[in-house]
Amino acid sequence: MKVVAAYLLAALSGKASPTSADVKAILGSVGCETEDSQIELLLKEVSGKDLCELIAAGREKLASVPSGGGVAMAAAPSAGGGGGAAPAAEAKKEEKKRKNPMMTWVSVFSIGCT
């Protein structure tokens, strides 16, 4: 995943076709190490393909994957009575604060590929 992220960063920086050296430089700048075989495999797979088309195809594939939207568990009734509603209210409040994790990827994938 880090190799793909570095490749996308290189592409966003304006390089039409990032090289192995570009990907290594980005990963090295943040202290990540990776095997050359991983970088070469990615470059082989994306060679000659339009990045925006790859992202669009990936989006279609991700749309078919279940995202697992959380199911709220009912709070067990307390033996002492009263006070059972407060934890449920807190759970709903906390549930609303959560962000959709896919929004980050949607934001990344929508940059320059409209």
Protein backbone atom coordinates (compact mmCIF):
# COMPACT_ATOMS: atom_id res chain seq x y z
CA MET A 1 0.00 0.00 0.00
CA LYS A 2 2.83 2.40 0.79
CA VAL A 3 4.31 1.83 -2.67
CA VAL A 4 0.97 2.66 -4.29
CA ALA A 5 0.64 5.77 -2.11
CA ALA A 6 4.14 6.93 -3.05
CA TYR A 7 3.38 6.34 -6.73
CA LEU A 8 0.19 8.41 -6.46
CA LEU A 9 2.06 11.20 -4.68
CA ALA A 10 4.65 11.24 -7.46
CA ALA A 11 1.89 11.36 -10.05
CA LEU A 12 0.14 14.20 -8.20
CA SER A 13 3.40 16.15 -8.16
CA GLY A 14 3.16 16.40 -11.95
CA LYS A 15 5.11 13.37 -13.17
CA ALA A 16 3.15 11.71 -15.92
CA SER A 17 4.97 8.41 -15.44
CA PRO A 18 6.76 8.14 -12.07
CA THR A 19 9.87 5.99 -12.02
CA SER A 20 11.27 3.60 -9.46
CA ALA A 21 13.65 6.34 -8.31
CA ASP A 22 10.71 8.73 -7.75
CA VAL A 23 8.87 6.18 -5.60
CA LYS A 24 12.05 5.35 -3.64
CA ALA A 25 12.75 9.04 -3.03
CA ILE A 26 9.27 9.61 -1.59
CA LEU A 27 9.43 6.52 0.61
CA GLY A 28 12.96 7.35 1.72
CA SER A 29 11.97 10.88 2.68
CA VAL A 30 9.71 9.48 5.40
CA GLY A 31 12.01 6.65 6.47
CA CYS A 32 10.14 3.78 4.78
CA GLU A 33 11.97 0.88 3.27
CA THR A 34 10.58 -1.36 0.56
CA GLU A 35 11.77 -4.07 -1.74
CA ASP A 36 12.62 -3.14 -5.30
CA SER A 37 10.49 -6.05 -6.48
CA GLN A 38 7.36 -4.41 -5.04
CA ILE A 39 8.07 -1.16 -6.85
CA GLU A 40 8.89 -2.91 -10.11
CA LEU A 41 5.70 -4.99 -9.90
CA LEU A 42 3.59 -1.84 -9.46
CA LEU A 43 5.37 -0.05 -12.31
CA LYS A 44 4.87 -3.09 -14.56
CA GLU A 45 1.15 -3.23 -13.73
CA VAL A 46 0.50 0.48 -14.39
CA SER A 47 2.84 0.85 -17.35
CA GLY A 48 1.08 2.41 -20.33
CA LYS A 49 -2.19 2.89 -18.45
CA ASP A 50 -3.93 6.15 -17.64
CA LEU A 51 -3.94 6.77 -13.88
CA CYS A 52 -7.43 8.30 -13.91
CA GLU A 53 -8.81 5.24 -15.71
CA LEU A 54 -7.15 2.93 -13.16
CA ILE A 55 -8.69 4.91 -10.32
CA ALA A 56 -12.12 4.84 -11.96
CA ALA A 57 -11.90 1.07 -12.42
CA GLY A 58 -10.82 0.69 -8.79
CA ARG A 59 -13.75 2.80 -7.65
CA GLU A 60 -16.15 0.50 -9.47
CA LYS A 61 -14.58 -2.52 -7.79
CA LEU A 62 -14.72 -0.87 -4.36
CA ALA A 63 -18.39 -0.04 -4.85
CA SER A 64 -19.19 -3.75 -4.92
CA VAL A 65 -17.31 -4.47 -1.68
CA PRO A 66 -19.47 -4.41 1.46
CA SER A 67 -18.31 -1.61 3.74
CA GLY A 68 -19.73 -3.22 6.88
CA GLY A 69 -21.64 -0.20 8.27
CA GLY A 70 -21.71 -0.68 12.04
CA VAL A 71 -24.72 -2.13 13.76
CA ALA A 72 -25.51 -0.55 17.10
CA MET A 73 -25.79 -3.05 19.90
CA ALA A 74 -28.68 -2.62 22.32
CA ALA A 75 -27.53 -1.72 25.81
CA ALA A 76 -28.18 -4.44 28.35
CA PRO A 77 -30.76 -3.35 30.91
CA SER A 78 -29.17 -2.44 34.20
CA ALA A 79 -30.21 -4.35 37.30
CA GLY A 80 -30.53 -1.14 39.33
CA GLY A 81 -33.08 0.35 36.95
CA GLY A 82 -32.90 3.91 35.57
CA GLY A 83 -29.68 5.05 33.95
CA GLY A 84 -30.02 2.65 31.03
CA ALA A 85 -30.90 5.48 28.67
CA ALA A 86 -27.76 7.54 29.34
CA PRO A 87 -25.28 5.02 27.86
CA ALA A 88 -27.52 4.57 24.82
CA ALA A 89 -27.61 8.33 24.26
CA GLU A 90 -23.82 8.50 24.55
CA ALA A 91 -23.43 5.65 22.06
CA LYS A 92 -25.61 7.47 19.52
CA LYS A 93 -23.65 10.70 20.03
CA GLU A 94 -20.36 8.86 19.55
CA GLU A 95 -21.72 7.09 16.47
CA LYS A 96 -22.53 10.43 14.83
CA LYS A 97 -18.97 11.70 15.37
CA ARG A 98 -17.38 8.91 13.33
CA LYS A 99 -16.29 9.86 9.86
CA ASN A 100 -16.72 7.65 6.87
CA PRO A 101 -13.26 6.05 6.36
CA MET A 102 -13.84 5.87 2.62
CA MET A 103 -14.12 9.66 2.39
CA THR A 104 -10.33 9.90 2.63
CA TRP A 105 -9.87 7.59 -0.35
CA VAL A 106 -12.65 9.22 -2.31
CA SER A 107 -10.92 12.57 -1.76
CA VAL A 108 -7.57 11.19 -2.90
CA PHE A 109 -9.04 9.49 -5.94
CA SER A 110 -11.03 12.52 -7.06
CA ILE A 111 -8.00 14.79 -7.32
CA GLY A 112 -7.47 15.65 -10.97
CA CYS A 113 -9.53 12.75 -12.29
CA THR A 114 -12.86 14.26 -13.14
